[in-house]
Amino acid sequence: MPCLRLHLKKFALVLLSLFAAVSCGTGNPRRYQAEFFLLFDTHTTFIAYTQTESEFELYLDIIHSTMENLHMQFDIYNNYEGISNLKTINDNAGLSPVTFSREIIDLLLLGKECYVSTNGTVNIALGSVLQLWRDARDSDTVPSIAQLEEAFQNTDINNIIIDEQLNTVFLTNPGMSLDAGAIAKGFAMERAVRLAAEAGLVSGLINSGGDVITVGSPLDGRDYWNVGIQDPFNLDAVFDTITVNGTAIASSGDYRRQGHIIDPATLFPANRFAGVSVIHPNAQIAEMLSTALFILPFEEGLKLAEDRDAQVIGIYHDGSSETY
């Protein structure tokens, strides 16, 4: 009969459970697993193979505290005592530059790179348009074309002024707002795993709302981690299972965000695919690509994936799929 140990820990934003699923013997390493909630508005699972529970808890603390801190910094809805975040940037649009952490500067610089590499398909300055769709979803309506076009006038990414010497950010357009939802979680996962690996993690996996990043391979005799790709037509089912190690998988679909992955070219939800999953060594690049490829026509998406040396699984609305 398997041994099961359960510990409950209360954090500021989450309820975290920790257990070790191992035999009752003394075999090493052991597989430990923990779960936490709310960060980046989703459920996150961390699995690792370590020699001791205390070693696992060391990596868990690094990953949870890093993701918790970045969750607060990248939040566009809430204020936190002592933290200047993306909401602070939006609140000061058109007013004055504000000093921010290096993590926010790095996120915004990544956002600008993503805008260039996707030819504007992924735009962290699209906040005013995305807010219209969020408001419409809450009221079960659809924004008018006039509203969308007016909001789109406030989405020029060149109006994000970043001073890397002073670590300041200024939105020169007072009607502008940032929304880094297409890259923020991948950025946080990549940063958290890198810090845990620097501390000694050699075998682990984070699954945050279906986006996955792995370190090494599972130390249980397998050469690869088995990762399920969400079935966009049945959220309780897996469309396919892939084997990976030392890489990341990010997914986008109209089953996420209530179908509101907005195509900047039309200002309406993209609908070419039911779901897209991207495999890439870097979690933040995988997340950016999954959003871009969900929006782009196939040929444009194929070129972008090839340029980034990414593997892609695209699932169409008729249930067929394509791997490229």
C-alpha atoms as a PDB file:
ATOM      1  CA  MET A   1       0.000   0.000   0.000  1.00  0.00           C
ATOM      2  CA  PRO A   2       1.512   3.355  -0.940  1.00  0.00           C
ATOM      3  CA  CYS A   3       2.602   5.792   1.711  1.00  0.00           C
ATOM      4  CA  LEU A   4       0.890   9.178   1.643  1.00  0.00           C
ATOM      5  CA  ARG A   5       1.898  12.210   3.644  1.00  0.00           C
ATOM      6  CA  LEU A   6      -0.184  15.352   3.571  1.00  0.00           C
ATOM      7  CA  HIS A   7       0.884  18.774   4.797  1.00  0.00           C
ATOM      8  CA  LEU A   8      -1.149  21.952   4.510  1.00  0.00           C
ATOM      9  CA  LYS A   9       0.501  25.345   4.256  1.00  0.00           C
ATOM     10  CA  LYS A  10      -1.257  28.698   4.037  1.00  0.00           C
ATOM     11  CA  PHE A  11       0.263  31.334   1.792  1.00  0.00           C
ATOM     12  CA  ALA A  12      -0.926  34.841   1.108  1.00  0.00           C
ATOM     13  CA  LEU A  13      -2.685  33.920  -2.122  1.00  0.00           C
ATOM     14  CA  VAL A  14      -2.943  30.144  -2.106  1.00  0.00           C
ATOM     15  CA  LEU A  15      -3.724  26.987  -0.228  1.00  0.00           C
ATOM     16  CA  LEU A  16      -0.917  24.559  -0.937  1.00  0.00           C
ATOM     17  CA  SER A  17      -0.929  20.788  -0.439  1.00  0.00           C
ATOM     18  CA  LEU A  18       2.215  18.661  -0.418  1.00  0.00           C
ATOM     19  CA  PHE A  19       2.471  14.914  -0.646  1.00  0.00           C
ATOM     20  CA  ALA A  20       5.002  12.267  -1.528  1.00  0.00           C
ATOM     21  CA  ALA A  21       3.792   9.372  -3.646  1.00  0.00           C
ATOM     22  CA  VAL A  22       6.410   6.703  -2.916  1.00  0.00           C
ATOM     23  CA  SER A  23       6.728   3.140  -1.775  1.00  0.00           C
ATOM     24  CA  CYS A  24       7.083   2.555   1.948  1.00  0.00           C
ATOM     25  CA  GLY A  25      10.660   1.445   1.422  1.00  0.00           C
ATOM     26  CA  THR A  26      13.797   3.543   1.430  1.00  0.00           C
ATOM     27  CA  GLY A  27      14.280   3.826  -2.348  1.00  0.00           C
ATOM     28  CA  ASN A  28      15.612   7.127  -3.678  1.00  0.00           C
ATOM     29  CA  PRO A  29      14.943   9.494  -5.270  1.00  0.00           C
ATOM     30  CA  ARG A  30      11.294  10.020  -4.383  1.00  0.00           C
ATOM     31  CA  ARG A  31       8.540  11.656  -6.337  1.00  0.00           C
ATOM     32  CA  TYR A  32       6.988  14.632  -4.548  1.00  0.00           C
ATOM     33  CA  GLN A  33       4.077  16.747  -5.716  1.00  0.00           C
ATOM     34  CA  ALA A  34       2.527  20.023  -4.577  1.00  0.00           C
ATOM     35  CA  GLU A  35      -0.375  22.106  -5.834  1.00  0.00           C
ATOM     36  CA  PHE A  36      -1.234  25.761  -5.435  1.00  0.00           C
ATOM     37  CA  PHE A  37      -4.034  27.945  -6.676  1.00  0.00           C
ATOM     38  CA  LEU A  38      -4.884  31.499  -7.838  1.00  0.00           C
ATOM     39  CA  LEU A  39      -1.461  32.477  -9.162  1.00  0.00           C
ATOM     40  CA  PHE A  40      -1.951  33.696 -12.733  1.00  0.00           C
ATOM     41  CA  ASP A  41      -5.618  32.838 -12.172  1.00  0.00           C
ATOM     42  CA  THR A  42      -5.079  29.115 -12.507  1.00  0.00           C
ATOM     43  CA  HIS A  43      -4.172  25.855 -10.763  1.00  0.00           C
ATOM     44  CA  THR A  44      -0.482  24.953 -10.699  1.00  0.00           C
ATOM     45  CA  THR A  45       1.121  21.575  -9.996  1.00  0.00           C
ATOM     46  CA  PHE A  46       4.810  21.085  -9.225  1.00  0.00           C
ATOM     47  CA  ILE A  47       6.343  17.607  -9.398  1.00  0.00           C
ATOM     48  CA  ALA A  48       9.966  16.763  -8.650  1.00  0.00           C
ATOM     49  CA  TYR A  49      12.166  13.762  -7.901  1.00  0.00           C
ATOM     50  CA  THR A  50      14.439  14.536  -4.954  1.00  0.00           C
ATOM     51  CA  GLN A  51      16.415  12.679  -2.333  1.00  0.00           C
ATOM     52  CA  THR A  52      14.522  14.231   0.593  1.00  0.00           C
ATOM     53  CA  GLU A  53      11.337  16.086   1.337  1.00  0.00           C
ATOM     54  CA  SER A  54      13.320  19.079   2.587  1.00  0.00           C
ATOM     55  CA  GLU A  55      15.116  19.277  -0.758  1.00  0.00           C
ATOM     56  CA  PHE A  56      11.750  19.237  -2.541  1.00  0.00           C
ATOM     57  CA  GLU A  57      10.432  21.964  -0.246  1.00  0.00           C
ATOM     58  CA  LEU A  58      13.457  24.127  -1.078  1.00  0.00           C
ATOM     59  CA  TYR A  59      12.626  24.002  -4.788  1.00  0.00           C
ATOM     60  CA  LEU A  60       8.928  24.378  -4.094  1.00  0.00           C
ATOM     61  CA  ASP A  61       9.532  27.536  -2.088  1.00  0.00           C
ATOM     62  CA  ILE A  62      11.669  29.018  -4.881  1.00  0.00           C
ATOM     63  CA  ILE A  63       9.064  28.232  -7.530  1.00  0.00           C
ATOM     64  CA  HIS A  64       6.044  29.334  -5.525  1.00  0.00           C
ATOM     65  CA  SER A  65       7.601  32.540  -4.170  1.00  0.00           C
ATOM     66  CA  THR A  66       8.923  33.514  -7.608  1.00  0.00           C
ATOM     67  CA  MET A  67       5.590  32.934  -9.323  1.00  0.00           C
ATOM     68  CA  GLU A  68       3.698  34.653  -6.494  1.00  0.00           C
ATOM     69  CA  ASN A  69       5.907  37.727  -6.709  1.00  0.00           C
ATOM     70  CA  LEU A  70       5.625  37.920 -10.495  1.00  0.00           C
ATOM     71  CA  HIS A  71       1.872  37.327 -10.340  1.00  0.00           C
ATOM     72  CA  MET A  72       1.552  40.485  -8.244  1.00  0.00           C
ATOM     73  CA  GLN A  73       3.974  42.476 -10.397  1.00  0.00           C
ATOM     74  CA  PHE A  74       2.213  41.543 -13.648  1.00  0.00           C
ATOM     75  CA  ASP A  75      -1.329  42.031 -12.300  1.00  0.00           C
ATOM     76  CA  ILE A  76      -3.413  44.635 -14.170  1.00  0.00           C
ATOM     77  CA  TYR A  77      -6.412  44.517 -11.806  1.00  0.00           C
ATOM     78  CA  ASN A  78      -5.166  44.783  -8.216  1.00  0.00           C
ATOM     79  CA  ASN A  79      -2.878  46.941  -6.093  1.00  0.00           C
ATOM     80  CA  TYR A  80      -0.429  45.387  -3.613  1.00  0.00           C
ATOM     81  CA  GLU A  81       1.246  47.211  -0.757  1.00  0.00           C
ATOM     82  CA  GLY A  82       4.825  48.099  -1.595  1.00  0.00           C
ATOM     83  CA  ILE A  83       4.634  46.794  -5.184  1.00  0.00           C
ATOM     84  CA  SER A  84       4.511  48.805  -8.383  1.00  0.00           C
ATOM     85  CA  ASN A  85       2.952  46.593 -11.048  1.00  0.00           C
ATOM     86  CA  LEU A  86       1.393  46.708 -14.508  1.00  0.00           C
ATOM     87  CA  LYS A  87      -1.721  48.273 -12.992  1.00  0.00           C
ATOM     88  CA  THR A  88       0.528  51.068 -11.701  1.00  0.00           C
ATOM     89  CA  ILE A  89       1.784  51.631 -15.244  1.00  0.00           C
ATOM     90  CA  ASN A  90      -1.774  51.753 -16.602  1.00  0.00           C
ATOM     91  CA  ASP A  91      -2.938  54.071 -13.811  1.00  0.00           C
ATOM     92  CA  ASN A  92      -0.149  56.506 -14.707  1.00  0.00           C
ATOM     93  CA  ALA A  93      -0.709  56.469 -18.463  1.00  0.00           C
ATOM     94  CA  GLY A  94      -0.161  59.968 -19.845  1.00  0.00           C
ATOM     95  CA  LEU A  95       0.889  61.302 -16.429  1.00  0.00           C
ATOM     96  CA  SER A  96       4.503  60.507 -15.590  1.00  0.00           C
ATOM     97  CA  PRO A  97       7.206  57.826 -15.721  1.00  0.00           C
ATOM     98  CA  VAL A  98       7.316  55.423 -12.763  1.00  0.00           C
ATOM     99  CA  THR A  99      10.234  53.322 -11.498  1.00  0.00           C
ATOM    100  CA  PHE A 100       9.753  49.559 -11.657  1.00  0.00           C
ATOM    101  CA  SER A 101      11.564  46.322 -10.890  1.00  0.00           C
ATOM    102  CA  ARG A 102      13.923  44.750 -13.389  1.00  0.00           C
ATOM    103  CA  GLU A 103      11.406  41.918 -13.874  1.00  0.00           C
ATOM    104  CA  ILE A 104       8.808  44.342 -15.238  1.00  0.00           C
ATOM    105  CA  ILE A 105      11.385  46.016 -17.467  1.00  0.00           C
ATOM    106  CA  ASP A 106      12.437  42.597 -18.808  1.00  0.00           C
ATOM    107  CA  LEU A 107       8.808  41.565 -19.376  1.00  0.00           C
ATOM    108  CA  LEU A 108       8.042  44.724 -21.350  1.00  0.00           C
ATOM    109  CA  LEU A 109      11.219  44.390 -23.405  1.00  0.00           C
ATOM    110  CA  LEU A 110      10.170  40.817 -24.176  1.00  0.00           C
ATOM    111  CA  GLY A 111       6.747  42.134 -25.131  1.00  0.00           C
ATOM    112  CA  LYS A 112       8.303  44.528 -27.605  1.00  0.00           C
ATOM    113  CA  GLU A 113      10.409  41.715 -29.086  1.00  0.00           C
ATOM    114  CA  CYS A 114       7.299  39.539 -29.417  1.00  0.00           C
ATOM    115  CA  TYR A 115       5.472  42.339 -31.205  1.00  0.00           C
ATOM    116  CA  VAL A 116       8.251  42.605 -33.789  1.00  0.00           C
ATOM    117  CA  SER A 117       8.737  38.854 -34.267  1.00  0.00           C
ATOM    118  CA  THR A 118       4.984  38.229 -34.713  1.00  0.00           C
ATOM    119  CA  ASN A 119       4.435  41.316 -36.883  1.00  0.00           C
ATOM    120  CA  GLY A 120       2.088  42.821 -34.287  1.00  0.00           C
ATOM    121  CA  THR A 121       0.017  39.674 -33.681  1.00  0.00           C
ATOM    122  CA  VAL A 122       1.089  39.539 -30.023  1.00  0.00           C
ATOM    123  CA  ASN A 123       0.761  43.074 -28.651  1.00  0.00           C
ATOM    124  CA  ILE A 124       1.033  43.790 -24.925  1.00  0.00           C
ATOM    125  CA  ALA A 125      -0.384  47.288 -25.664  1.00  0.00           C
ATOM    126  CA  LEU A 126      -3.762  45.886 -26.768  1.00  0.00           C
ATOM    127  CA  GLY A 127      -5.221  46.335 -23.271  1.00  0.00           C
ATOM    128  CA  SER A 128      -7.927  48.842 -24.207  1.00  0.00           C
ATOM    129  CA  VAL A 129      -9.353  46.460 -26.833  1.00  0.00           C
ATOM    130  CA  LEU A 130      -9.124  43.421 -24.560  1.00  0.00           C
ATOM    131  CA  GLN A 131     -10.938  45.317 -21.802  1.00  0.00           C
ATOM    132  CA  LEU A 132     -13.878  45.940 -24.143  1.00  0.00           C
ATOM    133  CA  TRP A 133     -14.143  42.206 -24.759  1.00  0.00           C
ATOM    134  CA  ARG A 134     -13.908  41.424 -21.038  1.00  0.00           C
ATOM    135  CA  ASP A 135     -16.687  43.901 -20.292  1.00  0.00           C
ATOM    136  CA  ALA A 136     -18.768  42.469 -23.135  1.00  0.00           C
ATOM    137  CA  ARG A 137     -18.294  38.922 -21.882  1.00  0.00           C
ATOM    138  CA  ASP A 138     -19.446  39.920 -18.407  1.00  0.00           C
ATOM    139  CA  SER A 139     -22.580  41.579 -19.815  1.00  0.00           C
ATOM    140  CA  ASP A 140     -23.164  38.941 -22.510  1.00  0.00           C
ATOM    141  CA  THR A 141     -22.852  41.496 -25.314  1.00  0.00           C
ATOM    142  CA  VAL A 142     -20.494  42.203 -28.221  1.00  0.00           C
ATOM    143  CA  PRO A 143     -18.529  45.452 -28.568  1.00  0.00           C
ATOM    144  CA  SER A 144     -19.462  47.602 -31.542  1.00  0.00           C
ATOM    145  CA  ILE A 145     -16.996  48.060 -34.378  1.00  0.00           C
ATOM    146  CA  ALA A 146     -16.895  51.780 -33.567  1.00  0.00           C
ATOM    147  CA  GLN A 147     -15.937  51.042 -29.945  1.00  0.00           C
ATOM    148  CA  LEU A 148     -13.245  48.601 -31.010  1.00  0.00           C
ATOM    149  CA  GLU A 149     -11.758  50.950 -33.586  1.00  0.00           C
ATOM    150  CA  GLU A 150     -11.682  53.798 -31.085  1.00  0.00           C
ATOM    151  CA  ALA A 151      -9.933  51.608 -28.510  1.00  0.00           C
ATOM    152  CA  PHE A 152      -7.474  50.396 -31.134  1.00  0.00           C
ATOM    153  CA  GLN A 153      -6.183  53.959 -31.511  1.00  0.00           C
ATOM    154  CA  ASN A 154      -4.633  53.506 -28.060  1.00  0.00           C
ATOM    155  CA  THR A 155      -2.587  50.384 -28.844  1.00  0.00           C
ATOM    156  CA  ASP A 156       0.610  51.703 -30.449  1.00  0.00           C
ATOM    157  CA  ILE A 157       3.421  49.772 -28.762  1.00  0.00           C
ATOM    158  CA  ASN A 158       5.835  52.607 -29.592  1.00  0.00           C
ATOM    159  CA  ASN A 159       4.037  54.663 -26.934  1.00  0.00           C
ATOM    160  CA  ILE A 160       5.608  52.451 -24.261  1.00  0.00           C
ATOM    161  CA  ILE A 161       8.724  54.399 -23.251  1.00  0.00           C
ATOM    162  CA  ILE A 162      11.243  52.322 -21.299  1.00  0.00           C
ATOM    163  CA  ASP A 163      14.361  53.835 -19.735  1.00  0.00           C
ATOM    164  CA  GLU A 164      16.629  50.874 -18.948  1.00  0.00           C
ATOM    165  CA  GLN A 165      19.123  53.054 -17.089  1.00  0.00           C
ATOM    166  CA  LEU A 166      16.538  54.439 -14.662  1.00  0.00           C
ATOM    167  CA  ASN A 167      14.200  51.398 -14.832  1.00  0.00           C
ATOM    168  CA  THR A 168      11.242  53.650 -15.599  1.00  0.00           C
ATOM    169  CA  VAL A 169       8.192  53.051 -17.793  1.00  0.00           C
ATOM    170  CA  PHE A 170       5.854  55.665 -19.236  1.00  0.00           C
ATOM    171  CA  LEU A 171       2.801  55.283 -21.439  1.00  0.00           C
ATOM    172  CA  THR A 172       2.659  58.509 -23.420  1.00  0.00           C
ATOM    173  CA  ASN A 173      -0.963  57.958 -24.508  1.00  0.00           C
ATOM    174  CA  PRO A 174      -3.383  58.527 -21.576  1.00  0.00           C
ATOM    175  CA  GLY A 175      -5.911  56.145 -23.119  1.00  0.00           C
ATOM    176  CA  MET A 176      -3.422  53.302 -23.310  1.00  0.00           C
ATOM    177  CA  SER A 177      -3.258  50.202 -21.109  1.00  0.00           C
ATOM    178  CA  LEU A 178      -1.022  47.141 -21.016  1.00  0.00           C
ATOM    179  CA  ASP A 179      -2.108  43.511 -20.866  1.00  0.00           C
ATOM    180  CA  ALA A 180       0.744  40.985 -20.864  1.00  0.00           C
ATOM    181  CA  GLY A 181      -1.475  37.917 -20.591  1.00  0.00           C
ATOM    182  CA  ALA A 182       0.060  36.367 -23.715  1.00  0.00           C
ATOM    183  CA  ILE A 183       3.559  36.205 -22.206  1.00  0.00           C
ATOM    184  CA  ALA A 184       3.403  36.826 -18.429  1.00  0.00           C
ATOM    185  CA  LYS A 185       2.834  33.278 -17.176  1.00  0.00           C
ATOM    186  CA  GLY A 186       5.485  31.806 -19.471  1.00  0.00           C
ATOM    187  CA  PHE A 187       7.927  34.476 -18.286  1.00  0.00           C
ATOM    188  CA  ALA A 188       7.174  33.592 -14.649  1.00  0.00           C
ATOM    189  CA  MET A 189       7.453  29.832 -15.210  1.00  0.00           C
ATOM    190  CA  GLU A 190      10.750  30.212 -17.052  1.00  0.00           C
ATOM    191  CA  ARG A 191      12.165  32.460 -14.318  1.00  0.00           C
ATOM    192  CA  ALA A 192      10.985  30.154 -11.510  1.00  0.00           C
ATOM    193  CA  VAL A 193      12.401  26.994 -13.085  1.00  0.00           C
ATOM    194  CA  ARG A 194      15.716  28.669 -13.879  1.00  0.00           C
ATOM    195  CA  LEU A 195      16.133  29.737 -10.239  1.00  0.00           C
ATOM    196  CA  ALA A 196      15.189  26.258  -8.983  1.00  0.00           C
ATOM    197  CA  ALA A 197      17.648  24.652 -11.414  1.00  0.00           C
ATOM    198  CA  GLU A 198      20.383  27.005 -10.214  1.00  0.00           C
ATOM    199  CA  ALA A 199      19.595  25.789  -6.678  1.00  0.00           C
ATOM    200  CA  GLY A 200      20.059  22.167  -7.772  1.00  0.00           C
ATOM    201  CA  LEU A 201      16.780  20.919  -9.276  1.00  0.00           C
ATOM    202  CA  VAL A 202      17.580  18.221 -11.879  1.00  0.00           C
ATOM    203  CA  SER A 203      14.205  16.499 -12.334  1.00  0.00           C
ATOM    204  CA  GLY A 204      10.946  18.418 -12.197  1.00  0.00           C
ATOM    205  CA  LEU A 205       7.796  19.571 -13.954  1.00  0.00           C
ATOM    206  CA  ILE A 206       5.473  22.549 -13.550  1.00  0.00           C
ATOM    207  CA  ASN A 207       1.966  22.428 -15.002  1.00  0.00           C
ATOM    208  CA  SER A 208       0.267  25.804 -14.715  1.00  0.00           C
ATOM    209  CA  GLY A 209      -3.195  25.761 -16.232  1.00  0.00           C
ATOM    210  CA  GLY A 210      -2.108  23.328 -18.959  1.00  0.00           C
ATOM    211  CA  ASP A 211       1.147  25.118 -19.768  1.00  0.00           C
ATOM    212  CA  VAL A 212       4.065  22.870 -18.861  1.00  0.00           C
ATOM    213  CA  ILE A 213       7.804  23.247 -18.362  1.00  0.00           C
ATOM    214  CA  THR A 214      10.101  20.341 -17.565  1.00  0.00           C
ATOM    215  CA  VAL A 215      13.580  19.998 -16.108  1.00  0.00           C
ATOM    216  CA  GLY A 216      15.527  16.883 -17.068  1.00  0.00           C
ATOM    217  CA  SER A 217      13.655  13.581 -17.106  1.00  0.00           C
ATOM    218  CA  PRO A 218      11.688  11.798 -14.354  1.00  0.00           C
ATOM    219  CA  LEU A 219      14.055   9.792 -12.147  1.00  0.00           C
ATOM    220  CA  ASP A 220      11.862   6.698 -12.042  1.00  0.00           C
ATOM    221  CA  GLY A 221      13.347   4.776 -14.934  1.00  0.00           C
ATOM    222  CA  ARG A 222      11.587   6.694 -17.701  1.00  0.00           C
ATOM    223  CA  ASP A 223      13.500   8.746 -20.226  1.00  0.00           C
ATOM    224  CA  TYR A 224      10.698  11.266 -20.783  1.00  0.00           C
ATOM    225  CA  TRP A 225       7.801  13.024 -19.113  1.00  0.00           C
ATOM    226  CA  ASN A 226       4.366  12.161 -20.504  1.00  0.00           C
ATOM    227  CA  VAL A 227       2.349  15.349 -21.056  1.00  0.00           C
ATOM    228  CA  GLY A 228      -1.287  15.393 -22.144  1.00  0.00           C
ATOM    229  CA  ILE A 229      -2.564  17.927 -24.695  1.00  0.00           C
ATOM    230  CA  GLN A 230      -5.994  19.253 -23.710  1.00  0.00           C
ATOM    231  CA  ASP A 231      -8.919  18.162 -25.880  1.00  0.00           C
ATOM    232  CA  PRO A 232     -10.576  21.487 -26.837  1.00  0.00           C
ATOM    233  CA  PHE A 233     -13.916  19.726 -27.303  1.00  0.00           C
ATOM    234  CA  ASN A 234     -13.932  17.857 -23.983  1.00  0.00           C
ATOM    235  CA  LEU A 235     -12.162  19.546 -21.079  1.00  0.00           C
ATOM    236  CA  ASP A 236     -12.147  16.279 -19.130  1.00  0.00           C
ATOM    237  CA  ALA A 237     -10.228  14.470 -21.876  1.00  0.00           C
ATOM    238  CA  VAL A 238      -6.775  14.448 -23.450  1.00  0.00           C
ATOM    239  CA  PHE A 239      -6.485  14.962 -27.204  1.00  0.00           C
ATOM    240  CA  ASP A 240      -2.993  13.481 -27.403  1.00  0.00           C
ATOM    241  CA  THR A 241      -0.032  12.617 -25.179  1.00  0.00           C
ATOM    242  CA  ILE A 242       3.501  13.683 -26.005  1.00  0.00           C
ATOM    243  CA  THR A 243       6.830  12.724 -24.441  1.00  0.00           C
ATOM    244  CA  VAL A 244       9.291  15.496 -23.587  1.00  0.00           C
ATOM    245  CA  ASN A 245      12.186  16.382 -21.328  1.00  0.00           C
ATOM    246  CA  GLY A 246      13.942  19.644 -20.635  1.00  0.00           C
ATOM    247  CA  THR A 247      11.442  21.648 -22.655  1.00  0.00           C
ATOM    248  CA  ALA A 248       8.142  23.548 -22.411  1.00  0.00           C
ATOM    249  CA  ILE A 249       4.649  23.169 -23.848  1.00  0.00           C
ATOM    250  CA  ALA A 250       2.190  26.073 -24.080  1.00  0.00           C
ATOM    251  CA  SER A 251      -1.390  25.858 -25.339  1.00  0.00           C
ATOM    252  CA  SER A 252      -3.977  28.350 -26.551  1.00  0.00           C
ATOM    253  CA  GLY A 253      -7.561  27.634 -27.512  1.00  0.00           C
ATOM    254  CA  ASP A 254     -11.073  28.973 -27.663  1.00  0.00           C
ATOM    255  CA  TYR A 255     -11.828  26.814 -24.612  1.00  0.00           C
ATOM    256  CA  ARG A 256      -9.497  29.193 -22.733  1.00  0.00           C
ATOM    257  CA  ARG A 257     -10.300  32.870 -22.092  1.00  0.00           C
ATOM    258  CA  GLN A 258     -13.891  32.141 -23.173  1.00  0.00           C
ATOM    259  CA  GLY A 259     -12.953  32.381 -26.847  1.00  0.00           C
ATOM    260  CA  HIS A 260     -11.520  35.849 -26.504  1.00  0.00           C
ATOM    261  CA  ILE A 261      -8.045  35.541 -27.997  1.00  0.00           C
ATOM    262  CA  ILE A 262      -8.327  38.667 -30.067  1.00  0.00           C
ATOM    263  CA  ASP A 263      -6.913  38.976 -33.564  1.00  0.00           C
ATOM    264  CA  PRO A 264      -5.457  42.525 -33.847  1.00  0.00           C
ATOM    265  CA  ALA A 265      -6.149  42.453 -37.584  1.00  0.00           C
ATOM    266  CA  THR A 266      -9.926  42.111 -37.074  1.00  0.00           C
ATOM    267  CA  LEU A 267     -10.325  43.151 -33.397  1.00  0.00           C
ATOM    268  CA  PHE A 268     -12.563  40.083 -33.005  1.00  0.00           C
ATOM    269  CA  PRO A 269     -11.837  36.650 -31.489  1.00  0.00           C
ATOM    270  CA  ALA A 270      -9.602  34.444 -33.631  1.00  0.00           C
ATOM    271  CA  ASN A 271     -11.363  31.313 -34.871  1.00  0.00           C
ATOM    272  CA  ARG A 272      -9.033  29.494 -37.271  1.00  0.00           C
ATOM    273  CA  PHE A 273      -8.207  26.792 -34.708  1.00  0.00           C
ATOM    274  CA  ALA A 274      -9.910  25.142 -31.759  1.00  0.00           C
ATOM    275  CA  GLY A 275      -6.558  24.753 -30.039  1.00  0.00           C
ATOM    276  CA  VAL A 276      -2.829  25.164 -30.635  1.00  0.00           C
ATOM    277  CA  SER A 277       0.015  23.679 -28.584  1.00  0.00           C
ATOM    278  CA  VAL A 278       3.651  24.672 -29.013  1.00  0.00           C
ATOM    279  CA  ILE A 279       6.735  22.761 -27.871  1.00  0.00           C
ATOM    280  CA  HIS A 280       9.836  24.898 -27.397  1.00  0.00           C
ATOM    281  CA  PRO A 281      12.805  24.870 -24.979  1.00  0.00           C
ATOM    282  CA  ASN A 282      11.809  28.282 -23.576  1.00  0.00           C
ATOM    283  CA  ALA A 283       8.450  28.641 -21.788  1.00  0.00           C
ATOM    284  CA  GLN A 284       8.007  32.327 -22.528  1.00  0.00           C
ATOM    285  CA  ILE A 285       8.663  31.790 -26.243  1.00  0.00           C
ATOM    286  CA  ALA A 286       6.318  28.788 -26.270  1.00  0.00           C
ATOM    287  CA  GLU A 287       3.541  30.858 -24.698  1.00  0.00           C
ATOM    288  CA  MET A 288       4.035  33.737 -27.117  1.00  0.00           C
ATOM    289  CA  LEU A 289       4.022  31.361 -30.087  1.00  0.00           C
ATOM    290  CA  SER A 290       0.892  29.520 -28.947  1.00  0.00           C
ATOM    291  CA  THR A 291      -1.031  32.806 -28.936  1.00  0.00           C
ATOM    292  CA  ALA A 292       0.414  33.991 -32.249  1.00  0.00           C
ATOM    293  CA  LEU A 293      -0.146  30.677 -34.044  1.00  0.00           C
ATOM    294  CA  PHE A 294      -3.712  30.456 -32.761  1.00  0.00           C
ATOM    295  CA  ILE A 295      -4.396  33.773 -34.494  1.00  0.00           C
ATOM    296  CA  LEU A 296      -2.295  33.605 -37.673  1.00  0.00           C
ATOM    297  CA  PRO A 297      -3.214  31.899 -40.972  1.00  0.00           C
ATOM    298  CA  PHE A 298      -1.507  28.526 -41.332  1.00  0.00           C
ATOM    299  CA  GLU A 299       1.254  29.557 -43.737  1.00  0.00           C
ATOM    300  CA  GLU A 300       2.274  32.569 -41.633  1.00  0.00           C
ATOM    301  CA  GLY A 301       2.190  30.481 -38.478  1.00  0.00           C
ATOM    302  CA  LEU A 302       4.264  27.755 -40.098  1.00  0.00           C
ATOM    303  CA  LYS A 303       6.990  30.221 -41.027  1.00  0.00           C
ATOM    304  CA  LEU A 304       7.053  31.711 -37.531  1.00  0.00           C
ATOM    305  CA  ALA A 305       7.290  28.238 -35.973  1.00  0.00           C
ATOM    306  CA  GLU A 306      10.128  27.290 -38.326  1.00  0.00           C
ATOM    307  CA  ASP A 307      11.971  30.524 -37.589  1.00  0.00           C
ATOM    308  CA  ARG A 308      11.790  29.756 -33.852  1.00  0.00           C
ATOM    309  CA  ASP A 309      12.523  26.025 -34.293  1.00  0.00           C
ATOM    310  CA  ALA A 310       9.265  25.135 -32.526  1.00  0.00           C
ATOM    311  CA  GLN A 311       7.036  22.084 -32.854  1.00  0.00           C
ATOM    312  CA  VAL A 312       3.301  22.746 -33.151  1.00  0.00           C
ATOM    313  CA  ILE A 313       0.081  20.772 -32.831  1.00  0.00           C
ATOM    314  CA  GLY A 314      -2.890  22.594 -34.367  1.00  0.00           C
ATOM    315  CA  ILE A 315      -6.405  21.274 -33.748  1.00  0.00           C
ATOM    316  CA  TYR A 316      -9.160  22.400 -36.106  1.00  0.00           C
ATOM    317  CA  HIS A 317     -12.840  22.835 -35.325  1.00  0.00           C
ATOM    318  CA  ASP A 318     -13.753  19.682 -37.237  1.00  0.00           C
ATOM    319  CA  GLY A 319     -11.589  17.612 -34.879  1.00  0.00           C
ATOM    320  CA  SER A 320      -8.724  17.103 -37.320  1.00  0.00           C
ATOM    321  CA  SER A 321      -5.203  18.107 -36.395  1.00  0.00           C
ATOM    322  CA  GLU A 322      -1.922  19.048 -37.984  1.00  0.00           C
ATOM    323  CA  THR A 323       1.602  18.723 -36.607  1.00  0.00           C
ATOM    324  CA  TYR A 324       4.369  20.916 -37.938  1.00  0.00           C
END
